[in-house]
């Protein structure tokens, strides 16, 4: 009887061991995939879809000075909730493009290696990474038409959704390279100071012969904290547009109008800037709760 019990114990171990091995292998695979997604070189299902078949939204984030890591985290969370996989591009991505040295020779004398220089390099980083969608990390999805997530608007023609403000852009790899070159050709024609990629993009728009689809901002983007009164979202306004841009200047407007989410807790605009990520998370949650639920649910109703 003792011998039989020993055999049964061995049999149980023989059954359990393969199961444990499978669990360990699955966990190893899971962490390996997650690690690759952070490196943003994971194999894709198609040019504009991730390995999991989700559309991809890029942003560019190269910390110069203090940075806004907390706002970048909100950006990742919101685009993920909307159904996207997110990729954060950096200067090293721009350096992969064969045009980088030429761009660097123009950008460095004008902007050095600071924030404004990085704003130009992001265009080339997108071209080097295969093109597709890019948004600023202070731009978040609302009623985004997911059919255009993988099938780019206008067959991949370069498209800007806030007029000449480059906060939400799409285009094929070739289009991102072409427009990067247009920027370099136009930057010396910018008359305002300090120059920026936004002002340069505006010059390109004024040329009227560039093949770029500049779309009306009022139909595509909402701006800032869209409250009727403190913490009460203007749901009618939020039904229009595919995304919301919570830029610094829109944060200033909200603070001046008494519509910043922490209005009673901040005394200056600089204090509001310091809490922009926290305020953005509050606003997006207010919008979901007050205006019909999640991004996905709202998309089905428009």
C-alpha atoms as a PDB file:
ATOM      1  CA  UNK A   1       0.000   0.000   0.000  1.00  0.00           C
ATOM      2  CA  UNK A   2       2.851   2.357   0.794  1.00  0.00           C
ATOM      3  CA  UNK A   3       4.446   1.625  -2.561  1.00  0.00           C
ATOM      4  CA  UNK A   4       1.143   2.334  -4.346  1.00  0.00           C
ATOM      5  CA  UNK A   5       0.775   5.669  -2.545  1.00  0.00           C
ATOM      6  CA  UNK A   6       4.285   6.599  -3.645  1.00  0.00           C
ATOM      7  CA  UNK A   7       3.450   5.759  -7.255  1.00  0.00           C
ATOM      8  CA  UNK A   8       0.262   7.839  -7.111  1.00  0.00           C
ATOM      9  CA  UNK A   9       2.236  10.754  -5.737  1.00  0.00           C
ATOM     10  CA  UNK A  10       4.698  10.459  -8.621  1.00  0.00           C
ATOM     11  CA  UNK A  11       1.795  10.365 -11.071  1.00  0.00           C
ATOM     12  CA  UNK A  12       0.381  13.555  -9.599  1.00  0.00           C
ATOM     13  CA  UNK A  13       3.729  15.246  -9.900  1.00  0.00           C
ATOM     14  CA  UNK A  14       3.997  14.041 -13.470  1.00  0.00           C
ATOM     15  CA  UNK A  15       0.641  15.662 -14.208  1.00  0.00           C
ATOM     16  CA  UNK A  16       1.282  18.921 -12.364  1.00  0.00           C
ATOM     17  CA  UNK A  17       4.794  19.568 -13.711  1.00  0.00           C
ATOM     18  CA  UNK A  18       3.761  20.052 -17.387  1.00  0.00           C
ATOM     19  CA  UNK A  19       0.993  22.414 -16.276  1.00  0.00           C
ATOM     20  CA  UNK A  20       3.424  24.495 -14.231  1.00  0.00           C
ATOM     21  CA  UNK A  21       5.831  24.558 -17.155  1.00  0.00           C
ATOM     22  CA  UNK A  22       3.101  25.847 -19.471  1.00  0.00           C
ATOM     23  CA  UNK A  23       2.154  28.599 -16.994  1.00  0.00           C
ATOM     24  CA  UNK A  24       5.792  29.703 -16.712  1.00  0.00           C
ATOM     25  CA  UNK A  25       6.179  29.784 -20.504  1.00  0.00           C
ATOM     26  CA  UNK A  26       2.973  31.824 -20.924  1.00  0.00           C
ATOM     27  CA  UNK A  27       4.132  34.343 -18.320  1.00  0.00           C
ATOM     28  CA  UNK A  28       7.520  34.638 -20.001  1.00  0.00           C
ATOM     29  CA  UNK A  29       5.828  35.244 -23.360  1.00  0.00           C
ATOM     30  CA  UNK A  30       3.535  37.882 -21.843  1.00  0.00           C
ATOM     31  CA  UNK A  31       6.376  39.880 -20.345  1.00  0.00           C
ATOM     32  CA  UNK A  32       8.462  39.533 -23.491  1.00  0.00           C
ATOM     33  CA  UNK A  33       5.629  40.986 -25.615  1.00  0.00           C
ATOM     34  CA  UNK A  34       5.113  43.843 -23.180  1.00  0.00           C
ATOM     35  CA  UNK A  35       8.807  44.588 -23.190  1.00  0.00           C
ATOM     36  CA  UNK A  36       8.852  44.705 -26.990  1.00  0.00           C
ATOM     37  CA  UNK A  37       5.839  47.016 -27.097  1.00  0.00           C
ATOM     38  CA  UNK A  38       7.726  49.516 -24.952  1.00  0.00           C
ATOM     39  CA  UNK A  39      10.562  49.419 -27.499  1.00  0.00           C
ATOM     40  CA  UNK A  40       7.937  50.063 -30.225  1.00  0.00           C
ATOM     41  CA  UNK A  41       9.577  47.697 -32.715  1.00  0.00           C
ATOM     42  CA  UNK A  42       7.026  44.924 -32.273  1.00  0.00           C
ATOM     43  CA  UNK A  43       5.992  43.109 -35.446  1.00  0.00           C
ATOM     44  CA  UNK A  44       2.883  44.726 -36.884  1.00  0.00           C
ATOM     45  CA  UNK A  45      -0.131  43.147 -38.497  1.00  0.00           C
ATOM     46  CA  UNK A  46      -0.050  45.852 -41.188  1.00  0.00           C
ATOM     47  CA  UNK A  47       1.565  49.226 -41.816  1.00  0.00           C
ATOM     48  CA  UNK A  48      -0.789  51.074 -39.453  1.00  0.00           C
ATOM     49  CA  UNK A  49      -1.963  48.296 -37.123  1.00  0.00           C
ATOM     50  CA  UNK A  50      -0.211  46.724 -34.157  1.00  0.00           C
ATOM     51  CA  UNK A  51       0.462  43.012 -33.760  1.00  0.00           C
ATOM     52  CA  UNK A  52      -2.938  42.807 -32.035  1.00  0.00           C
ATOM     53  CA  UNK A  53      -4.824  44.441 -34.914  1.00  0.00           C
ATOM     54  CA  UNK A  54      -5.380  47.749 -33.101  1.00  0.00           C
ATOM     55  CA  UNK A  55      -4.641  51.072 -34.808  1.00  0.00           C
ATOM     56  CA  UNK A  56      -1.495  52.834 -33.633  1.00  0.00           C
ATOM     57  CA  UNK A  57      -1.210  56.387 -32.322  1.00  0.00           C
ATOM     58  CA  UNK A  58       2.265  57.901 -32.055  1.00  0.00           C
ATOM     59  CA  UNK A  59       3.555  60.841 -30.123  1.00  0.00           C
ATOM     60  CA  UNK A  60       7.024  62.322 -29.781  1.00  0.00           C
ATOM     61  CA  UNK A  61       8.541  62.865 -26.350  1.00  0.00           C
ATOM     62  CA  UNK A  62      12.144  63.833 -25.839  1.00  0.00           C
ATOM     63  CA  UNK A  63      12.480  65.373 -22.397  1.00  0.00           C
ATOM     64  CA  UNK A  64      14.132  68.788 -22.544  1.00  0.00           C
ATOM     65  CA  UNK A  65      14.264  70.352 -19.101  1.00  0.00           C
ATOM     66  CA  UNK A  66      11.585  69.270 -16.654  1.00  0.00           C
ATOM     67  CA  UNK A  67       9.259  67.458 -19.058  1.00  0.00           C
ATOM     68  CA  UNK A  68       5.713  66.250 -18.403  1.00  0.00           C
ATOM     69  CA  UNK A  69       5.919  62.527 -17.720  1.00  0.00           C
ATOM     70  CA  UNK A  70       2.549  62.587 -15.945  1.00  0.00           C
ATOM     71  CA  UNK A  71       0.780  64.094 -18.967  1.00  0.00           C
ATOM     72  CA  UNK A  72       2.401  61.541 -21.246  1.00  0.00           C
ATOM     73  CA  UNK A  73       0.940  58.815 -19.023  1.00  0.00           C
ATOM     74  CA  UNK A  74      -2.549  60.318 -19.370  1.00  0.00           C
ATOM     75  CA  UNK A  75      -2.034  60.387 -23.149  1.00  0.00           C
ATOM     76  CA  UNK A  76      -1.223  56.662 -23.169  1.00  0.00           C
ATOM     77  CA  UNK A  77      -4.238  55.848 -21.003  1.00  0.00           C
ATOM     78  CA  UNK A  78      -6.751  57.833 -23.048  1.00  0.00           C
ATOM     79  CA  UNK A  79      -5.692  56.566 -26.479  1.00  0.00           C
ATOM     80  CA  UNK A  80      -5.635  53.021 -25.139  1.00  0.00           C
ATOM     81  CA  UNK A  81      -9.193  53.415 -23.820  1.00  0.00           C
ATOM     82  CA  UNK A  82     -10.221  54.594 -27.288  1.00  0.00           C
ATOM     83  CA  UNK A  83      -8.914  51.380 -28.881  1.00  0.00           C
ATOM     84  CA  UNK A  84      -5.381  52.346 -29.949  1.00  0.00           C
ATOM     85  CA  UNK A  85      -1.960  50.975 -29.176  1.00  0.00           C
ATOM     86  CA  UNK A  86       0.440  53.804 -28.373  1.00  0.00           C
ATOM     87  CA  UNK A  87       4.048  54.375 -29.427  1.00  0.00           C
ATOM     88  CA  UNK A  88       6.284  57.092 -27.997  1.00  0.00           C
ATOM     89  CA  UNK A  89       8.934  58.211 -30.483  1.00  0.00           C
ATOM     90  CA  UNK A  90      12.207  59.849 -29.509  1.00  0.00           C
ATOM     91  CA  UNK A  91      15.128  61.641 -31.125  1.00  0.00           C
ATOM     92  CA  UNK A  92      16.839  58.310 -31.815  1.00  0.00           C
ATOM     93  CA  UNK A  93      13.932  57.446 -34.115  1.00  0.00           C
ATOM     94  CA  UNK A  94      14.484  60.604 -36.174  1.00  0.00           C
ATOM     95  CA  UNK A  95      18.186  59.761 -36.452  1.00  0.00           C
ATOM     96  CA  UNK A  96      17.261  56.569 -38.332  1.00  0.00           C
ATOM     97  CA  UNK A  97      16.033  58.601 -41.304  1.00  0.00           C
ATOM     98  CA  UNK A  98      18.569  59.218 -44.109  1.00  0.00           C
ATOM     99  CA  UNK A  99      17.487  62.878 -44.215  1.00  0.00           C
ATOM    100  CA  UNK A 100      18.358  63.489 -40.535  1.00  0.00           C
ATOM    101  CA  UNK A 101      21.813  64.987 -41.087  1.00  0.00           C
ATOM    102  CA  UNK A 102      20.408  67.456 -43.606  1.00  0.00           C
ATOM    103  CA  UNK A 103      17.653  68.481 -41.203  1.00  0.00           C
ATOM    104  CA  UNK A 104      20.093  68.745 -38.317  1.00  0.00           C
ATOM    105  CA  UNK A 105      22.282  71.121 -40.337  1.00  0.00           C
ATOM    106  CA  UNK A 106      19.314  73.483 -40.723  1.00  0.00           C
ATOM    107  CA  UNK A 107      17.701  73.046 -37.295  1.00  0.00           C
ATOM    108  CA  UNK A 108      20.753  73.300 -35.028  1.00  0.00           C
ATOM    109  CA  UNK A 109      21.836  76.864 -36.030  1.00  0.00           C
ATOM    110  CA  UNK A 110      18.237  78.061 -35.543  1.00  0.00           C
ATOM    111  CA  UNK A 111      17.132  76.159 -32.454  1.00  0.00           C
ATOM    112  CA  UNK A 112      20.132  74.447 -30.913  1.00  0.00           C
ATOM    113  CA  UNK A 113      19.098  71.228 -29.185  1.00  0.00           C
ATOM    114  CA  UNK A 114      16.142  72.552 -27.222  1.00  0.00           C
ATOM    115  CA  UNK A 115      12.391  72.039 -27.279  1.00  0.00           C
ATOM    116  CA  UNK A 116      11.774  73.808 -30.614  1.00  0.00           C
ATOM    117  CA  UNK A 117      14.406  71.645 -32.303  1.00  0.00           C
ATOM    118  CA  UNK A 118      12.678  68.516 -31.032  1.00  0.00           C
ATOM    119  CA  UNK A 119       9.399  69.731 -32.536  1.00  0.00           C
ATOM    120  CA  UNK A 120      10.998  69.575 -35.993  1.00  0.00           C
ATOM    121  CA  UNK A 121      12.667  66.212 -35.458  1.00  0.00           C
ATOM    122  CA  UNK A 122       9.338  64.589 -34.575  1.00  0.00           C
ATOM    123  CA  UNK A 123       8.222  64.896 -38.200  1.00  0.00           C
ATOM    124  CA  UNK A 124      11.230  62.928 -39.347  1.00  0.00           C
ATOM    125  CA  UNK A 125      10.805  60.402 -36.521  1.00  0.00           C
ATOM    126  CA  UNK A 126       7.336  59.648 -37.902  1.00  0.00           C
ATOM    127  CA  UNK A 127       8.699  59.178 -41.416  1.00  0.00           C
ATOM    128  CA  UNK A 128      11.439  56.859 -40.157  1.00  0.00           C
ATOM    129  CA  UNK A 129       8.885  54.823 -38.195  1.00  0.00           C
ATOM    130  CA  UNK A 130       6.626  54.111 -41.161  1.00  0.00           C
ATOM    131  CA  UNK A 131       4.148  56.987 -40.974  1.00  0.00           C
ATOM    132  CA  UNK A 132       0.550  56.808 -39.799  1.00  0.00           C
ATOM    133  CA  UNK A 133      -1.046  58.823 -36.999  1.00  0.00           C
ATOM    134  CA  UNK A 134       0.679  61.232 -34.633  1.00  0.00           C
ATOM    135  CA  UNK A 135      -0.773  63.471 -31.937  1.00  0.00           C
ATOM    136  CA  UNK A 136       0.737  65.820 -29.399  1.00  0.00           C
ATOM    137  CA  UNK A 137       0.828  64.248 -25.966  1.00  0.00           C
ATOM    138  CA  UNK A 138      -1.690  66.889 -24.832  1.00  0.00           C
ATOM    139  CA  UNK A 139      -4.254  65.756 -27.435  1.00  0.00           C
ATOM    140  CA  UNK A 140      -6.800  63.082 -26.490  1.00  0.00           C
ATOM    141  CA  UNK A 141      -9.483  61.099 -28.373  1.00  0.00           C
ATOM    142  CA  UNK A 142     -13.181  61.837 -28.029  1.00  0.00           C
ATOM    143  CA  UNK A 143     -15.355  60.810 -31.012  1.00  0.00           C
ATOM    144  CA  UNK A 144     -12.566  59.352 -33.108  1.00  0.00           C
ATOM    145  CA  UNK A 145     -13.806  57.436 -36.214  1.00  0.00           C
ATOM    146  CA  UNK A 146     -12.019  54.136 -35.693  1.00  0.00           C
ATOM    147  CA  UNK A 147     -12.435  53.176 -39.349  1.00  0.00           C
ATOM    148  CA  UNK A 148      -9.743  55.757 -40.094  1.00  0.00           C
ATOM    149  CA  UNK A 149      -7.409  54.379 -37.450  1.00  0.00           C
ATOM    150  CA  UNK A 150      -5.909  51.843 -39.844  1.00  0.00           C
ATOM    151  CA  UNK A 151      -7.275  53.102 -43.177  1.00  0.00           C
ATOM    152  CA  UNK A 152      -5.742  56.569 -43.225  1.00  0.00           C
ATOM    153  CA  UNK A 153      -7.881  59.498 -44.458  1.00  0.00           C
ATOM    154  CA  UNK A 154      -7.574  60.380 -48.143  1.00  0.00           C
ATOM    155  CA  UNK A 155      -5.543  57.272 -48.875  1.00  0.00           C
ATOM    156  CA  UNK A 156      -2.587  58.453 -46.802  1.00  0.00           C
ATOM    157  CA  UNK A 157      -2.448  62.039 -48.101  1.00  0.00           C
ATOM    158  CA  UNK A 158      -0.944  64.243 -45.405  1.00  0.00           C
ATOM    159  CA  UNK A 159      -3.773  65.604 -43.252  1.00  0.00           C
ATOM    160  CA  UNK A 160      -3.828  68.108 -40.384  1.00  0.00           C
ATOM    161  CA  UNK A 161      -6.944  68.182 -38.230  1.00  0.00           C
ATOM    162  CA  UNK A 162      -6.471  71.501 -36.410  1.00  0.00           C
ATOM    163  CA  UNK A 163      -5.747  73.693 -39.391  1.00  0.00           C
ATOM    164  CA  UNK A 164      -2.006  74.539 -39.272  1.00  0.00           C
ATOM    165  CA  UNK A 165      -1.617  73.527 -35.597  1.00  0.00           C
ATOM    166  CA  UNK A 166       0.201  70.167 -35.785  1.00  0.00           C
ATOM    167  CA  UNK A 167      -1.507  68.485 -32.845  1.00  0.00           C
ATOM    168  CA  UNK A 168      -3.198  65.646 -34.778  1.00  0.00           C
ATOM    169  CA  UNK A 169      -1.731  64.520 -38.104  1.00  0.00           C
ATOM    170  CA  UNK A 170      -1.882  61.546 -40.441  1.00  0.00           C
ATOM    171  CA  UNK A 171      -0.066  60.461 -43.562  1.00  0.00           C
ATOM    172  CA  UNK A 172       1.873  57.709 -45.228  1.00  0.00           C
ATOM    173  CA  UNK A 173       5.599  57.231 -44.688  1.00  0.00           C
ATOM    174  CA  UNK A 174       6.324  58.986 -47.985  1.00  0.00           C
ATOM    175  CA  UNK A 175       4.071  61.896 -47.052  1.00  0.00           C
ATOM    176  CA  UNK A 176       5.799  62.396 -43.693  1.00  0.00           C
ATOM    177  CA  UNK A 177       9.156  62.556 -45.485  1.00  0.00           C
ATOM    178  CA  UNK A 178       7.818  64.958 -48.117  1.00  0.00           C
ATOM    179  CA  UNK A 179       6.330  67.343 -45.549  1.00  0.00           C
ATOM    180  CA  UNK A 180       9.504  67.186 -43.431  1.00  0.00           C
ATOM    181  CA  UNK A 181      11.378  68.520 -46.448  1.00  0.00           C
ATOM    182  CA  UNK A 182       8.744  71.207 -47.009  1.00  0.00           C
ATOM    183  CA  UNK A 183       9.277  72.367 -43.429  1.00  0.00           C
ATOM    184  CA  UNK A 184      12.999  72.739 -43.974  1.00  0.00           C
ATOM    185  CA  UNK A 185      12.420  74.671 -47.181  1.00  0.00           C
ATOM    186  CA  UNK A 186       9.950  77.016 -45.451  1.00  0.00           C
ATOM    187  CA  UNK A 187      11.482  77.631 -42.006  1.00  0.00           C
ATOM    188  CA  UNK A 188      13.623  80.565 -43.203  1.00  0.00           C
ATOM    189  CA  UNK A 189      10.484  82.283 -44.493  1.00  0.00           C
ATOM    190  CA  UNK A 190       8.871  82.449 -41.045  1.00  0.00           C
ATOM    191  CA  UNK A 191       8.644  86.098 -40.056  1.00  0.00           C
ATOM    192  CA  UNK A 192       7.528  85.764 -36.414  1.00  0.00           C
ATOM    193  CA  UNK A 193       9.904  85.199 -33.516  1.00  0.00           C
ATOM    194  CA  UNK A 194      10.498  82.823 -31.981  1.00  0.00           C
ATOM    195  CA  UNK A 195      10.075  80.494 -34.942  1.00  0.00           C
ATOM    196  CA  UNK A 196       8.434  77.106 -34.471  1.00  0.00           C
ATOM    197  CA  UNK A 197       7.300  74.137 -36.508  1.00  0.00           C
ATOM    198  CA  UNK A 198       3.721  75.410 -36.130  1.00  0.00           C
ATOM    199  CA  UNK A 199       4.584  78.784 -37.674  1.00  0.00           C
ATOM    200  CA  UNK A 200       6.509  77.009 -40.422  1.00  0.00           C
ATOM    201  CA  UNK A 201       3.531  74.750 -41.110  1.00  0.00           C
ATOM    202  CA  UNK A 202       1.390  77.885 -41.399  1.00  0.00           C
ATOM    203  CA  UNK A 203       3.773  79.239 -44.068  1.00  0.00           C
ATOM    204  CA  UNK A 204       3.382  75.967 -45.984  1.00  0.00           C
ATOM    205  CA  UNK A 205      -0.394  76.305 -45.772  1.00  0.00           C
ATOM    206  CA  UNK A 206      -0.131  79.797 -47.239  1.00  0.00           C
ATOM    207  CA  UNK A 207       1.675  78.434 -50.287  1.00  0.00           C
ATOM    208  CA  UNK A 208      -1.592  76.745 -51.380  1.00  0.00           C
ATOM    209  CA  UNK A 209       0.182  74.237 -53.610  1.00  0.00           C
ATOM    210  CA  UNK A 210       1.513  71.633 -51.214  1.00  0.00           C
ATOM    211  CA  UNK A 211      -1.050  68.831 -51.476  1.00  0.00           C
ATOM    212  CA  UNK A 212      -1.749  68.877 -47.717  1.00  0.00           C
ATOM    213  CA  UNK A 213      -5.310  68.555 -46.444  1.00  0.00           C
ATOM    214  CA  UNK A 214      -5.657  71.307 -43.809  1.00  0.00           C
ATOM    215  CA  UNK A 215      -8.980  70.606 -42.118  1.00  0.00           C
ATOM    216  CA  UNK A 216     -11.160  73.087 -40.265  1.00  0.00           C
ATOM    217  CA  UNK A 217     -10.379  72.907 -36.561  1.00  0.00           C
ATOM    218  CA  UNK A 218     -13.940  73.632 -35.400  1.00  0.00           C
ATOM    219  CA  UNK A 219     -15.168  70.443 -37.094  1.00  0.00           C
ATOM    220  CA  UNK A 220     -12.350  68.192 -35.914  1.00  0.00           C
ATOM    221  CA  UNK A 221     -10.919  69.363 -32.595  1.00  0.00           C
ATOM    222  CA  UNK A 222     -12.241  70.712 -29.342  1.00  0.00           C
ATOM    223  CA  UNK A 223      -9.908  72.941 -27.354  1.00  0.00           C
ATOM    224  CA  UNK A 224      -9.161  73.138 -23.647  1.00  0.00           C
ATOM    225  CA  UNK A 225     -11.461  72.293 -20.750  1.00  0.00           C
ATOM    226  CA  UNK A 226     -14.895  72.376 -22.363  1.00  0.00           C
ATOM    227  CA  UNK A 227     -17.000  73.284 -19.333  1.00  0.00           C
ATOM    228  CA  UNK A 228     -20.183  75.412 -19.327  1.00  0.00           C
ATOM    229  CA  UNK A 229     -19.475  76.194 -15.703  1.00  0.00           C
ATOM    230  CA  UNK A 230     -17.039  74.717 -13.192  1.00  0.00           C
ATOM    231  CA  UNK A 231     -16.996  70.897 -13.521  1.00  0.00           C
ATOM    232  CA  UNK A 232     -20.068  70.883 -15.802  1.00  0.00           C
ATOM    233  CA  UNK A 233     -19.131  69.649 -19.277  1.00  0.00           C
ATOM    234  CA  UNK A 234     -20.676  71.197 -22.382  1.00  0.00           C
ATOM    235  CA  UNK A 235     -21.878  67.884 -23.798  1.00  0.00           C
ATOM    236  CA  UNK A 236     -23.256  69.411 -26.995  1.00  0.00           C
ATOM    237  CA  UNK A 237     -19.885  70.925 -27.850  1.00  0.00           C
ATOM    238  CA  UNK A 238     -18.142  67.657 -27.039  1.00  0.00           C
ATOM    239  CA  UNK A 239     -20.274  65.777 -29.578  1.00  0.00           C
ATOM    240  CA  UNK A 240     -18.296  67.505 -32.352  1.00  0.00           C
ATOM    241  CA  UNK A 241     -14.722  66.576 -33.201  1.00  0.00           C
ATOM    242  CA  UNK A 242     -12.554  63.505 -33.018  1.00  0.00           C
ATOM    243  CA  UNK A 243     -10.197  64.720 -30.296  1.00  0.00           C
ATOM    244  CA  UNK A 244      -9.551  67.449 -27.752  1.00  0.00           C
ATOM    245  CA  UNK A 245      -6.380  69.530 -27.542  1.00  0.00           C
ATOM    246  CA  UNK A 246      -5.516  70.701 -24.029  1.00  0.00           C
ATOM    247  CA  UNK A 247      -2.562  72.913 -24.911  1.00  0.00           C
ATOM    248  CA  UNK A 248      -0.895  75.435 -22.606  1.00  0.00           C
ATOM    249  CA  UNK A 249      -2.745  78.365 -24.149  1.00  0.00           C
ATOM    250  CA  UNK A 250      -6.100  76.640 -23.658  1.00  0.00           C
ATOM    251  CA  UNK A 251      -5.154  75.967 -20.052  1.00  0.00           C
ATOM    252  CA  UNK A 252      -4.550  79.701 -19.652  1.00  0.00           C
ATOM    253  CA  UNK A 253      -7.993  80.468 -21.107  1.00  0.00           C
ATOM    254  CA  UNK A 254      -9.678  78.016 -18.725  1.00  0.00           C
ATOM    255  CA  UNK A 255      -7.870  79.490 -15.725  1.00  0.00           C
ATOM    256  CA  UNK A 256      -8.803  83.047 -16.724  1.00  0.00           C
ATOM    257  CA  UNK A 257     -12.476  82.063 -17.155  1.00  0.00           C
ATOM    258  CA  UNK A 258     -12.658  80.200 -13.854  1.00  0.00           C
ATOM    259  CA  UNK A 259     -13.110  76.830 -15.579  1.00  0.00           C
ATOM    260  CA  UNK A 260      -9.897  75.071 -14.592  1.00  0.00           C
ATOM    261  CA  UNK A 261     -10.846  71.917 -12.637  1.00  0.00           C
ATOM    262  CA  UNK A 262      -8.815  72.974  -9.556  1.00  0.00           C
ATOM    263  CA  UNK A 263      -9.674  76.658  -9.783  1.00  0.00           C
ATOM    264  CA  UNK A 264     -10.038  77.081  -6.006  1.00  0.00           C
ATOM    265  CA  UNK A 265      -6.739  75.322  -5.332  1.00  0.00           C
ATOM    266  CA  UNK A 266      -4.432  77.206  -7.718  1.00  0.00           C
ATOM    267  CA  UNK A 267      -3.549  80.902  -7.629  1.00  0.00           C
ATOM    268  CA  UNK A 268      -1.462  81.353 -10.766  1.00  0.00           C
ATOM    269  CA  UNK A 269      -1.268  80.072 -14.325  1.00  0.00           C
ATOM    270  CA  UNK A 270       2.053  78.408 -13.533  1.00  0.00           C
ATOM    271  CA  UNK A 271       0.376  76.421 -10.762  1.00  0.00           C
ATOM    272  CA  UNK A 272      -2.295  75.386 -13.269  1.00  0.00           C
ATOM    273  CA  UNK A 273       0.411  74.234 -15.692  1.00  0.00           C
ATOM    274  CA  UNK A 274       1.921  72.088 -12.956  1.00  0.00           C
ATOM    275  CA  UNK A 275      -1.413  70.305 -12.527  1.00  0.00           C
ATOM    276  CA  UNK A 276      -2.315  70.049 -16.216  1.00  0.00           C
ATOM    277  CA  UNK A 277      -2.063  66.251 -16.297  1.00  0.00           C
ATOM    278  CA  UNK A 278      -4.216  65.842 -13.205  1.00  0.00           C
ATOM    279  CA  UNK A 279      -6.741  68.348 -14.540  1.00  0.00           C
ATOM    280  CA  UNK A 280      -6.874  66.571 -17.914  1.00  0.00           C
ATOM    281  CA  UNK A 281      -7.649  63.253 -16.246  1.00  0.00           C
ATOM    282  CA  UNK A 282     -10.432  64.929 -14.235  1.00  0.00           C
ATOM    283  CA  UNK A 283     -11.940  66.538 -17.346  1.00  0.00           C
ATOM    284  CA  UNK A 284     -11.885  63.328 -19.406  1.00  0.00           C
ATOM    285  CA  UNK A 285     -13.582  61.435 -16.578  1.00  0.00           C
ATOM    286  CA  UNK A 286     -16.163  64.241 -16.190  1.00  0.00           C
ATOM    287  CA  UNK A 287     -16.873  64.022 -19.921  1.00  0.00           C
ATOM    288  CA  UNK A 288     -17.396  60.265 -19.791  1.00  0.00           C
ATOM    289  CA  UNK A 289     -19.629  60.436 -16.742  1.00  0.00           C
ATOM    290  CA  UNK A 290     -21.722  63.426 -17.808  1.00  0.00           C
ATOM    291  CA  UNK A 291     -21.972  62.966 -21.566  1.00  0.00           C
ATOM    292  CA  UNK A 292     -22.809  59.327 -22.183  1.00  0.00           C
ATOM    293  CA  UNK A 293     -20.074  57.005 -21.025  1.00  0.00           C
ATOM    294  CA  UNK A 294     -16.858  55.871 -22.647  1.00  0.00           C
ATOM    295  CA  UNK A 295     -15.358  56.966 -25.938  1.00  0.00           C
ATOM    296  CA  UNK A 296     -16.448  53.717 -27.576  1.00  0.00           C
ATOM    297  CA  UNK A 297     -20.063  54.058 -26.434  1.00  0.00           C
ATOM    298  CA  UNK A 298     -20.252  57.669 -27.615  1.00  0.00           C
ATOM    299  CA  UNK A 299     -18.859  56.757 -31.026  1.00  0.00           C
ATOM    300  CA  UNK A 300     -21.756  54.412 -31.582  1.00  0.00           C
ATOM    301  CA  UNK A 301     -24.231  57.207 -30.932  1.00  0.00           C
ATOM    302  CA  UNK A 302     -22.911  59.828 -33.343  1.00  0.00           C
END
